[in-house]
Amino acid sequence: LGMSLIAGCALTPQSYDERVAAGYAAVAITNDTATTLVIGETISKDDGRKVLDQTRTAREALDVASSLSGQVGEDKLTSALGILRAAQDTLCAKNETDPNCIALRARSQP
């Protein structure tokens, strides 16, 4: 019971490594949402590709950030998360009320 309760709680990432890990998780959630919206024909394949390109760039920035520390790492992490937020905005700007976008916003706040 204890572990399932902990697993169900949304904890805000605190440490640098936790925030990097949350960034990777948010990239995966964003990619899954893009795929779902393309399959459901909510967005075009071209728009889906644009989002995947943005999340690929965010993931690459997270890769760099994960190898850094201090202010340089923080700056790269901030940049990566900004790219990710832009991808999410691109994905859901015209679909804010879509349940997939609502879930994305709720689940991917690194």
N, C-alpha and C. Protein backbone atom coordinates (compact mmCIF):
# COMPACT_ATOMS: atom_id res chain seq x y z
N LEU A 1 0.83 -1.20 0.00
CA LEU A 1 0.00 0.00 0.00
C LEU A 1 0.86 1.25 0.00
N GLY A 2 1.90 1.27 0.82
CA GLY A 2 2.75 2.44 0.93
C GLY A 2 3.40 2.83 -0.39
N MET A 3 3.94 1.85 -1.12
CA MET A 3 4.61 2.16 -2.38
C MET A 3 3.63 2.65 -3.44
N SER A 4 2.44 2.03 -3.49
CA SER A 4 1.48 2.48 -4.50
C SER A 4 0.99 3.88 -4.17
N LEU A 5 0.87 4.20 -2.90
CA LEU A 5 0.46 5.54 -2.52
C LEU A 5 1.53 6.54 -2.93
N ILE A 6 2.79 6.21 -2.68
CA ILE A 6 3.89 7.10 -3.07
C ILE A 6 3.94 7.23 -4.58
N ALA A 7 3.78 6.13 -5.30
CA ALA A 7 3.83 6.17 -6.76
C ALA A 7 2.72 7.03 -7.33
N GLY A 8 1.59 7.09 -6.63
CA GLY A 8 0.46 7.87 -7.12
C GLY A 8 0.57 9.35 -6.82
N CYS A 9 1.47 9.73 -5.95
CA CYS A 9 1.62 11.13 -5.58
C CYS A 9 2.51 11.86 -6.59
N ALA A 10 2.09 13.02 -6.95
CA ALA A 10 2.90 13.83 -7.85
C ALA A 10 3.83 14.69 -7.00
N LEU A 11 5.09 14.34 -7.00
CA LEU A 11 6.07 15.10 -6.23
C LEU A 11 6.77 16.08 -7.16
N THR A 12 6.99 17.27 -6.68
CA THR A 12 7.69 18.27 -7.47
C THR A 12 9.18 17.97 -7.42
N PRO A 13 9.81 17.83 -8.60
CA PRO A 13 11.25 17.55 -8.60
C PRO A 13 12.01 18.71 -7.96
N GLN A 14 12.94 18.38 -7.09
CA GLN A 14 13.68 19.39 -6.35
C GLN A 14 15.14 19.50 -6.82
N SER A 15 15.84 18.39 -6.78
CA SER A 15 17.26 18.43 -7.10
C SER A 15 17.47 18.60 -8.61
N TYR A 16 18.66 18.95 -8.97
CA TYR A 16 19.00 19.12 -10.38
C TYR A 16 18.74 17.82 -11.15
N ASP A 17 19.23 16.70 -10.61
CA ASP A 17 19.04 15.42 -11.29
C ASP A 17 17.57 15.05 -11.41
N GLU A 18 16.78 15.35 -10.38
CA GLU A 18 15.34 15.08 -10.45
C GLU A 18 14.67 15.93 -11.53
N ARG A 19 15.10 17.18 -11.67
CA ARG A 19 14.51 18.05 -12.69
C ARG A 19 14.91 17.61 -14.09
N VAL A 20 16.15 17.14 -14.26
CA VAL A 20 16.56 16.59 -15.55
C VAL A 20 15.72 15.36 -15.87
N ALA A 21 15.56 14.46 -14.89
CA ALA A 21 14.76 13.25 -15.10
C ALA A 21 13.31 13.61 -15.43
N ALA A 22 12.76 14.60 -14.75
CA ALA A 22 11.39 15.05 -15.04
C ALA A 22 11.30 15.61 -16.45
N GLY A 23 12.36 16.27 -16.90
CA GLY A 23 12.39 16.77 -18.27
C GLY A 23 12.32 15.65 -19.29
N TYR A 24 13.09 14.58 -19.05
CA TYR A 24 13.04 13.42 -19.95
C TYR A 24 11.64 12.80 -19.95
N ALA A 25 11.04 12.69 -18.77
CA ALA A 25 9.68 12.12 -18.69
C ALA A 25 8.69 13.00 -19.44
N ALA A 26 8.85 14.32 -19.34
CA ALA A 26 7.95 15.24 -20.03
C ALA A 26 8.12 15.15 -21.54
N VAL A 27 9.35 14.91 -22.01
CA VAL A 27 9.58 14.70 -23.44
C VAL A 27 8.80 13.47 -23.90
N ALA A 28 8.90 12.39 -23.14
CA ALA A 28 8.20 11.15 -23.51
C ALA A 28 6.69 11.35 -23.53
N ILE A 29 6.16 12.04 -22.53
CA ILE A 29 4.72 12.30 -22.47
C ILE A 29 4.29 13.17 -23.64
N THR A 30 5.10 14.17 -23.98
CA THR A 30 4.78 15.05 -25.10
C THR A 30 4.78 14.28 -26.41
N ASN A 31 5.77 13.41 -26.59
CA ASN A 31 5.82 12.57 -27.80
C ASN A 31 4.61 11.66 -27.89
N ASP A 32 4.24 11.04 -26.76
CA ASP A 32 3.07 10.16 -26.75
C ASP A 32 1.79 10.94 -27.11
N THR A 33 1.68 12.14 -26.57
CA THR A 33 0.51 12.97 -26.86
C THR A 33 0.47 13.35 -28.33
N ALA A 34 1.62 13.71 -28.88
CA ALA A 34 1.68 14.06 -30.31
C ALA A 34 1.23 12.87 -31.16
N THR A 35 1.72 11.69 -30.83
CA THR A 35 1.33 10.49 -31.57
C THR A 35 -0.17 10.25 -31.47
N THR A 36 -0.72 10.38 -30.28
CA THR A 36 -2.15 10.19 -30.06
C THR A 36 -2.96 11.19 -30.88
N LEU A 37 -2.53 12.45 -30.88
CA LEU A 37 -3.28 13.48 -31.62
C LEU A 37 -3.18 13.28 -33.13
N VAL A 38 -2.05 12.79 -33.62
CA VAL A 38 -1.92 12.49 -35.05
C VAL A 38 -2.81 11.31 -35.42
N ILE A 39 -2.75 10.26 -34.63
CA ILE A 39 -3.58 9.07 -34.92
C ILE A 39 -5.06 9.43 -34.88
N GLY A 40 -5.44 10.28 -33.94
CA GLY A 40 -6.84 10.69 -33.83
C GLY A 40 -7.22 11.78 -34.81
N GLU A 41 -6.27 12.18 -35.66
CA GLU A 41 -6.47 13.22 -36.67
C GLU A 41 -6.89 14.56 -36.08
N THR A 42 -6.44 14.80 -34.83
CA THR A 42 -6.65 16.10 -34.19
C THR A 42 -5.65 17.11 -34.73
N ILE A 43 -4.44 16.64 -35.02
CA ILE A 43 -3.42 17.47 -35.66
C ILE A 43 -2.91 16.73 -36.89
N SER A 44 -2.30 17.48 -37.79
CA SER A 44 -1.78 16.87 -39.01
C SER A 44 -0.48 16.12 -38.73
N LYS A 45 -0.11 15.24 -39.64
CA LYS A 45 1.17 14.54 -39.53
C LYS A 45 2.32 15.54 -39.55
N ASP A 46 2.20 16.58 -40.37
CA ASP A 46 3.24 17.59 -40.45
C ASP A 46 3.40 18.31 -39.11
N ASP A 47 2.29 18.68 -38.48
CA ASP A 47 2.38 19.32 -37.17
C ASP A 47 2.97 18.37 -36.14
N GLY A 48 2.60 17.10 -36.22
CA GLY A 48 3.17 16.10 -35.33
C GLY A 48 4.67 15.98 -35.49
N ARG A 49 5.13 16.00 -36.75
CA ARG A 49 6.59 15.95 -37.01
C ARG A 49 7.30 17.17 -36.44
N LYS A 50 6.68 18.33 -36.56
CA LYS A 50 7.28 19.56 -36.01
C LYS A 50 7.46 19.45 -34.51
N VAL A 51 6.44 18.92 -33.84
CA VAL A 51 6.54 18.74 -32.39
C VAL A 51 7.64 17.73 -32.06
N LEU A 52 7.70 16.62 -32.79
CA LEU A 52 8.74 15.63 -32.53
C LEU A 52 10.13 16.19 -32.77
N ASP A 53 10.28 17.06 -33.77
CA ASP A 53 11.57 17.72 -34.00
C ASP A 53 11.93 18.60 -32.80
N GLN A 54 10.94 19.32 -32.27
CA GLN A 54 11.20 20.18 -31.10
C GLN A 54 11.56 19.34 -29.88
N THR A 55 10.84 18.23 -29.67
CA THR A 55 11.16 17.41 -28.49
C THR A 55 12.51 16.72 -28.65
N ARG A 56 12.90 16.42 -29.87
CA ARG A 56 14.23 15.84 -30.11
C ARG A 56 15.30 16.87 -29.71
N THR A 57 15.08 18.11 -30.09
CA THR A 57 16.02 19.18 -29.71
C THR A 57 16.05 19.35 -28.19
N ALA A 58 14.89 19.30 -27.56
CA ALA A 58 14.83 19.40 -26.10
C ALA A 58 15.58 18.24 -25.44
N ARG A 59 15.37 17.03 -25.97
CA ARG A 59 16.05 15.85 -25.41
C ARG A 59 17.57 15.99 -25.56
N GLU A 60 18.02 16.48 -26.71
CA GLU A 60 19.46 16.68 -26.91
C GLU A 60 20.01 17.70 -25.91
N ALA A 61 19.24 18.75 -25.66
CA ALA A 61 19.66 19.75 -24.67
C ALA A 61 19.67 19.15 -23.26
N LEU A 62 18.71 18.27 -22.97
CA LEU A 62 18.71 17.57 -21.68
C LEU A 62 19.93 16.66 -21.55
N ASP A 63 20.31 16.01 -22.66
CA ASP A 63 21.51 15.17 -22.65
C ASP A 63 22.73 15.99 -22.26
N VAL A 64 22.85 17.17 -22.83
CA VAL A 64 23.97 18.05 -22.50
C VAL A 64 23.86 18.50 -21.04
N ALA A 65 22.66 18.94 -20.65
CA ALA A 65 22.45 19.43 -19.28
C ALA A 65 22.80 18.35 -18.25
N SER A 66 22.48 17.10 -18.56
CA SER A 66 22.73 16.02 -17.59
C SER A 66 24.21 15.79 -17.36
N SER A 67 25.05 16.26 -18.29
CA SER A 67 26.50 16.08 -18.14
C SER A 67 27.17 17.29 -17.49
N LEU A 68 26.38 18.31 -17.19
CA LEU A 68 26.92 19.54 -16.63
C LEU A 68 26.50 19.69 -15.18
N SER A 69 27.02 20.73 -14.55
CA SER A 69 26.60 21.05 -13.18
C SER A 69 26.73 22.55 -12.98
N GLY A 70 26.33 23.01 -11.83
CA GLY A 70 26.45 24.43 -11.50
C GLY A 70 25.56 25.30 -12.37
N GLN A 71 25.93 26.55 -12.51
CA GLN A 71 25.11 27.51 -13.25
C GLN A 71 25.04 27.16 -14.74
N VAL A 72 26.12 26.63 -15.30
CA VAL A 72 26.11 26.24 -16.71
C VAL A 72 25.06 25.15 -16.94
N GLY A 73 25.00 24.18 -16.05
CA GLY A 73 23.99 23.13 -16.14
C GLY A 73 22.59 23.68 -15.98
N GLU A 74 22.42 24.57 -15.00
CA GLU A 74 21.10 25.18 -14.77
C GLU A 74 20.64 25.94 -16.02
N ASP A 75 21.55 26.68 -16.63
CA ASP A 75 21.20 27.44 -17.84
C ASP A 75 20.78 26.50 -18.98
N LYS A 76 21.52 25.41 -19.16
CA LYS A 76 21.19 24.46 -20.22
C LYS A 76 19.86 23.76 -19.92
N LEU A 77 19.63 23.43 -18.66
CA LEU A 77 18.36 22.81 -18.27
C LEU A 77 17.20 23.76 -18.52
N THR A 78 17.37 25.01 -18.16
CA THR A 78 16.33 26.02 -18.41
C THR A 78 16.04 26.13 -19.89
N SER A 79 17.08 26.12 -20.70
CA SER A 79 16.92 26.18 -22.15
C SER A 79 16.16 24.96 -22.67
N ALA A 80 16.55 23.78 -22.20
CA ALA A 80 15.89 22.54 -22.63
C ALA A 80 14.41 22.56 -22.28
N LEU A 81 14.09 23.00 -21.07
CA LEU A 81 12.69 23.04 -20.64
C LEU A 81 11.90 24.09 -21.41
N GLY A 82 12.56 25.17 -21.79
CA GLY A 82 11.90 26.18 -22.63
C GLY A 82 11.55 25.62 -24.00
N ILE A 83 12.47 24.86 -24.58
CA ILE A 83 12.22 24.22 -25.88
C ILE A 83 11.06 23.23 -25.75
N LEU A 84 11.05 22.48 -24.66
CA LEU A 84 9.98 21.52 -24.42
C LEU A 84 8.63 22.22 -24.28
N ARG A 85 8.58 23.31 -23.51
CA ARG A 85 7.33 24.05 -23.35
C ARG A 85 6.84 24.59 -24.69
N ALA A 86 7.77 25.04 -25.52
CA ALA A 86 7.40 25.53 -26.85
C ALA A 86 6.79 24.39 -27.68
N ALA A 87 7.34 23.19 -27.57
CA ALA A 87 6.79 22.03 -28.28
C ALA A 87 5.38 21.73 -27.79
N GLN A 88 5.18 21.79 -26.48
CA GLN A 88 3.85 21.55 -25.92
C GLN A 88 2.87 22.63 -26.36
N ASP A 89 3.33 23.87 -26.41
CA ASP A 89 2.47 24.97 -26.87
C ASP A 89 2.09 24.76 -28.33
N THR A 90 3.06 24.35 -29.15
CA THR A 90 2.79 24.08 -30.55
C THR A 90 1.76 22.96 -30.67
N LEU A 91 1.92 21.94 -29.87
CA LEU A 91 1.05 20.77 -29.91
C LEU A 91 -0.38 21.11 -29.50
N CYS A 92 -0.53 21.89 -28.47
CA CYS A 92 -1.86 22.07 -27.88
C CYS A 92 -2.45 23.46 -28.03
N ALA A 93 -1.78 24.36 -28.72
CA ALA A 93 -2.27 25.73 -28.84
C ALA A 93 -3.70 25.79 -29.38
N LYS A 94 -3.99 24.97 -30.37
CA LYS A 94 -5.32 24.98 -30.98
C LYS A 94 -6.23 23.91 -30.40
N ASN A 95 -5.72 23.18 -29.40
CA ASN A 95 -6.45 22.04 -28.85
C ASN A 95 -6.45 22.05 -27.32
N GLU A 96 -6.49 23.23 -26.71
CA GLU A 96 -6.39 23.34 -25.25
C GLU A 96 -7.43 22.51 -24.51
N THR A 97 -8.61 22.32 -25.09
CA THR A 97 -9.67 21.59 -24.41
C THR A 97 -9.64 20.09 -24.71
N ASP A 98 -8.76 19.67 -25.60
CA ASP A 98 -8.63 18.24 -25.89
C ASP A 98 -8.16 17.53 -24.62
N PRO A 99 -8.81 16.44 -24.24
CA PRO A 99 -8.42 15.73 -23.01
C PRO A 99 -6.94 15.32 -23.00
N ASN A 100 -6.38 15.01 -24.15
CA ASN A 100 -4.96 14.64 -24.21
C ASN A 100 -4.07 15.82 -23.86
N CYS A 101 -4.44 17.02 -24.30
CA CYS A 101 -3.66 18.21 -23.98
C CYS A 101 -3.81 18.59 -22.52
N ILE A 102 -5.02 18.44 -22.00
CA ILE A 102 -5.24 18.71 -20.57
C ILE A 102 -4.37 17.77 -19.74
N ALA A 103 -4.36 16.50 -20.10
CA ALA A 103 -3.54 15.52 -19.37
C ALA A 103 -2.05 15.84 -19.52
N LEU A 104 -1.65 16.25 -20.72
CA LEU A 104 -0.24 16.59 -20.95
C LEU A 104 0.18 17.72 -20.02
N ARG A 105 -0.60 18.77 -19.96
CA ARG A 105 -0.27 19.92 -19.10
C ARG A 105 -0.22 19.51 -17.63
N ALA A 106 -1.11 18.64 -17.23
CA ALA A 106 -1.16 18.23 -15.83
C ALA A 106 0.00 17.32 -15.45
N ARG A 107 0.48 16.51 -16.39
CA ARG A 107 1.47 15.48 -16.07
C ARG A 107 2.90 15.87 -16.38
N SER A 108 3.13 16.97 -17.07
CA SER A 108 4.50 17.22 -17.53
C SER A 108 5.00 18.61 -17.18
N GLN A 109 5.04 18.88 -15.92
CA GLN A 109 5.54 20.17 -15.45
C GLN A 109 6.86 19.99 -14.70
N PRO A 110 7.96 19.81 -15.43
CA PRO A 110 9.25 19.63 -14.73
C PRO A 110 9.73 20.92 -14.09
